[in-house]
C-alpha atoms as a PDB file:
ATOM      1  CA  MET A   1      94.044-146.253-107.832  1.00  0.00           C
ATOM      2  CA  LEU A   2      94.168-142.827-105.846  1.00  0.00           C
ATOM      3  CA  PRO A   3      96.400-140.111-106.417  1.00  0.00           C
ATOM      4  CA  ASP A   4      98.934-139.633-103.544  1.00  0.00           C
ATOM      5  CA  ALA A   5      97.250-137.910-100.671  1.00  0.00           C
ATOM      6  CA  SER A   6     100.523-135.827-100.001  1.00  0.00           C
ATOM      7  CA  SER A   7     100.116-134.229-102.955  1.00  0.00           C
ATOM      8  CA  TYR A   8      96.856-133.281-103.086  1.00  0.00           C
ATOM      9  CA  ASP A   9      93.824-131.677-101.222  1.00  0.00           C
ATOM     10  CA  VAL A  10      90.628-134.028-100.915  1.00  0.00           C
ATOM     11  CA  SER A  11      86.952-133.296-100.458  1.00  0.00           C
ATOM     12  CA  CYS A  12      84.060-134.968-100.968  1.00  0.00           C
ATOM     13  CA  MET A  13      80.210-133.874-102.040  1.00  0.00           C
ATOM     14  CA  PHE A  14      77.365-135.384-101.515  1.00  0.00           C
ATOM     15  CA  GLN A  15      73.890-133.949-102.401  1.00  0.00           C
ATOM     16  CA  GLY A  16      75.479-131.023-103.599  1.00  0.00           C
ATOM     17  CA  VAL A  17      76.413-131.087 -99.471  1.00  0.00           C
ATOM     18  CA  GLN A  18      80.479-130.380 -99.060  1.00  0.00           C
ATOM     19  CA  GLY A  19      81.656-133.202 -96.456  1.00  0.00           C
ATOM     20  CA  ASN A  20      85.210-133.620 -94.351  1.00  0.00           C
ATOM     21  CA  ALA A  21      87.273-136.126 -96.503  1.00  0.00           C
ATOM     22  CA  VAL A  22      90.592-137.926 -95.202  1.00  0.00           C
ATOM     23  CA  MET A  23      92.766-140.126 -96.918  1.00  0.00           C
ATOM     24  CA  THR A  24      93.050-143.451 -94.894  1.00  0.00           C
ATOM     25  CA  ASP A  25      95.592-145.076 -97.068  1.00  0.00           C
ATOM     26  CA  SER A  26      97.006-145.040-100.809  1.00  0.00           C
ATOM     27  CA  SER A  27      93.655-146.425-101.908  1.00  0.00           C
ATOM     28  CA  THR A  28      90.713-145.115 -99.502  1.00  0.00           C
ATOM     29  CA  ALA A  29      89.363-142.131 -98.318  1.00  0.00           C
ATOM     30  CA  SER A  30      87.098-141.199 -95.945  1.00  0.00           C
ATOM     31  CA  CYS A  31      84.255-138.345 -96.408  1.00  0.00           C
ATOM     32  CA  THR A  32      81.814-137.563 -93.156  1.00  0.00           C
ATOM     33  CA  PHE A  33      79.852-134.745 -93.178  1.00  0.00           C
ATOM     34  CA  ASP A  34      78.872-132.453 -89.526  1.00  0.00           C
ATOM     35  CA  ALA A  35      75.086-133.324 -89.479  1.00  0.00           C
ATOM     36  CA  GLY A  36      75.390-137.125 -90.997  1.00  0.00           C
ATOM     37  CA  VAL A  37      74.649-138.230 -94.440  1.00  0.00           C
ATOM     38  CA  PRO A  38      72.533-136.285 -96.237  1.00  0.00           C
ATOM     39  CA  ALA A  39      69.160-137.545 -97.116  1.00  0.00           C
ATOM     40  CA  GLY A  40      68.594-138.300-100.576  1.00  0.00           C
ATOM     41  CA  ASN A  41      67.548-141.014-103.641  1.00  0.00           C
ATOM     42  CA  ALA A  42      70.666-141.666-105.154  1.00  0.00           C
ATOM     43  CA  ALA A  43      73.844-143.119-103.825  1.00  0.00           C
ATOM     44  CA  ILE A  44      75.971-140.415-105.915  1.00  0.00           C
ATOM     45  CA  ALA A  45      78.587-139.094-103.664  1.00  0.00           C
ATOM     46  CA  THR A  46      81.812-137.602-105.760  1.00  0.00           C
ATOM     47  CA  LEU A  47      85.573-137.660-104.269  1.00  0.00           C
ATOM     48  CA  ILE A  48      87.046-134.368-105.794  1.00  0.00           C
ATOM     49  CA  PHE A  49      91.573-134.083-105.999  1.00  0.00           C
ATOM     50  CA  LYS A  50      92.882-130.741-105.915  1.00  0.00           C
ATOM     51  CA  ASP A  51      96.566-130.776-106.716  1.00  0.00           C
ATOM     52  CA  GLN A  52      98.357-128.196-104.815  1.00  0.00           C
ATOM     53  CA  ALA A  53     100.657-126.709-107.428  1.00  0.00           C
ATOM     54  CA  SER A  54      98.532-126.777-110.751  1.00  0.00           C
ATOM     55  CA  SER A  55      95.001-126.487-109.018  1.00  0.00           C
ATOM     56  CA  LEU A  56      94.124-128.990-111.263  1.00  0.00           C
ATOM     57  CA  GLU A  57      91.087-131.385-110.169  1.00  0.00           C
ATOM     58  CA  LEU A  58      90.549-134.780-110.412  1.00  0.00           C
ATOM     59  CA  THR A  59      87.038-136.486-109.328  1.00  0.00           C
ATOM     60  CA  THR A  60      86.038-140.064-109.040  1.00  0.00           C
ATOM     61  CA  ASP A  61      83.993-142.380-110.529  1.00  0.00           C
ATOM     62  CA  ALA A  62      80.499-142.110-108.553  1.00  0.00           C
ATOM     63  CA  ASN A  63      80.056-146.005-109.410  1.00  0.00           C
ATOM     64  CA  GLY A  64      82.971-147.301-107.120  1.00  0.00           C
ATOM     65  CA  ILE A  65      81.713-144.934-104.232  1.00  0.00           C
ATOM     66  CA  THR A  66      80.478-147.350-101.416  1.00  0.00           C
ATOM     67  CA  LEU A  67      78.021-145.038 -98.742  1.00  0.00           C
ATOM     68  CA  THR A  68      77.367-146.487 -95.129  1.00  0.00           C
ATOM     69  CA  ASN A  69      75.369-144.910 -92.425  1.00  0.00           C
ATOM     70  CA  THR A  70      72.852-143.226 -94.882  1.00  0.00           C
ATOM     71  CA  LEU A  71      69.950-141.526 -93.702  1.00  0.00           C
ATOM     72  CA  THR A  72      67.214-144.053 -92.177  1.00  0.00           C
ATOM     73  CA  ILE A  73      63.409-143.450 -90.117  1.00  0.00           C
ATOM     74  CA  GLY A  74      63.529-145.838 -87.255  1.00  0.00           C
ATOM     75  CA  ALA A  75      60.807-144.751 -85.360  1.00  0.00           C
ATOM     76  CA  GLY A  76      58.432-142.202 -85.381  1.00  0.00           C
ATOM     77  CA  SER A  77      54.823-140.997 -83.872  1.00  0.00           C
ATOM     78  CA  SER A  78      51.763-143.282 -85.128  1.00  0.00           C
ATOM     79  CA  GLY A  79      48.551-142.742 -83.676  1.00  0.00           C
ATOM     80  CA  LEU A  80      47.982-138.919 -83.179  1.00  0.00           C
ATOM     81  CA  THR A  81      45.158-136.877 -82.428  1.00  0.00           C
ATOM     82  CA  CYS A  82      45.511-133.957 -82.208  1.00  0.00           C
ATOM     83  CA  SER A  83      43.920-130.674 -82.162  1.00  0.00           C
ATOM     84  CA  PHE A  84      43.237-127.871 -84.770  1.00  0.00           C
ATOM     85  CA  ALA A  85      44.824-125.518 -82.965  1.00  0.00           C
ATOM     86  CA  GLY A  86      48.034-127.310 -82.634  1.00  0.00           C
ATOM     87  CA  GLY A  87      49.195-128.861 -79.447  1.00  0.00           C
ATOM     88  CA  CYS A  88      50.216-131.882 -81.032  1.00  0.00           C
ATOM     89  CA  THR A  89      54.228-133.155 -80.666  1.00  0.00           C
ATOM     90  CA  TYR A  90      55.621-135.675 -83.438  1.00  0.00           C
ATOM     91  CA  SER A  91      58.583-137.045 -83.131  1.00  0.00           C
ATOM     92  CA  VAL A  92      60.746-138.798 -85.487  1.00  0.00           C
ATOM     93  CA  ALA A  93      64.077-140.870 -84.666  1.00  0.00           C
ATOM     94  CA  GLY A  94      66.943-142.225 -87.179  1.00  0.00           C
ATOM     95  CA  ASN A  95      70.093-141.537 -88.639  1.00  0.00           C
ATOM     96  CA  GLY A  96      71.050-138.569 -90.332  1.00  0.00           C
ATOM     97  CA  ILE A  97      67.765-136.741 -89.621  1.00  0.00           C
ATOM     98  CA  ALA A  98      69.584-133.652 -88.949  1.00  0.00           C
ATOM     99  CA  GLY A  99      71.214-133.190 -92.648  1.00  0.00           C
ATOM    100  CA  ALA A 100      67.853-133.651 -93.778  1.00  0.00           C
ATOM    101  CA  LEU A 101      66.089-131.006 -92.075  1.00  0.00           C
END
């Protein structure tokens, strides 16, 4: 069971990037990232609960965290023929691309 959100400041981290955490109920927290979920090959995220009075920090066990909307590459340019001097446009589309760049 997660701590009572009223007495803790909640934050989250994934791949070293700070996200925006919100307690949605007494047992669920939601973490969002402004530029999308950071790219990474390990699904290890951390929720941090900091007691407002004592500054004591509690962290979650990463085995119980589910990531949704992770980085996926949906499309990209293929079969390109470009000049040596450049002038070639390459596009990549997918969720979380901005956070990976």
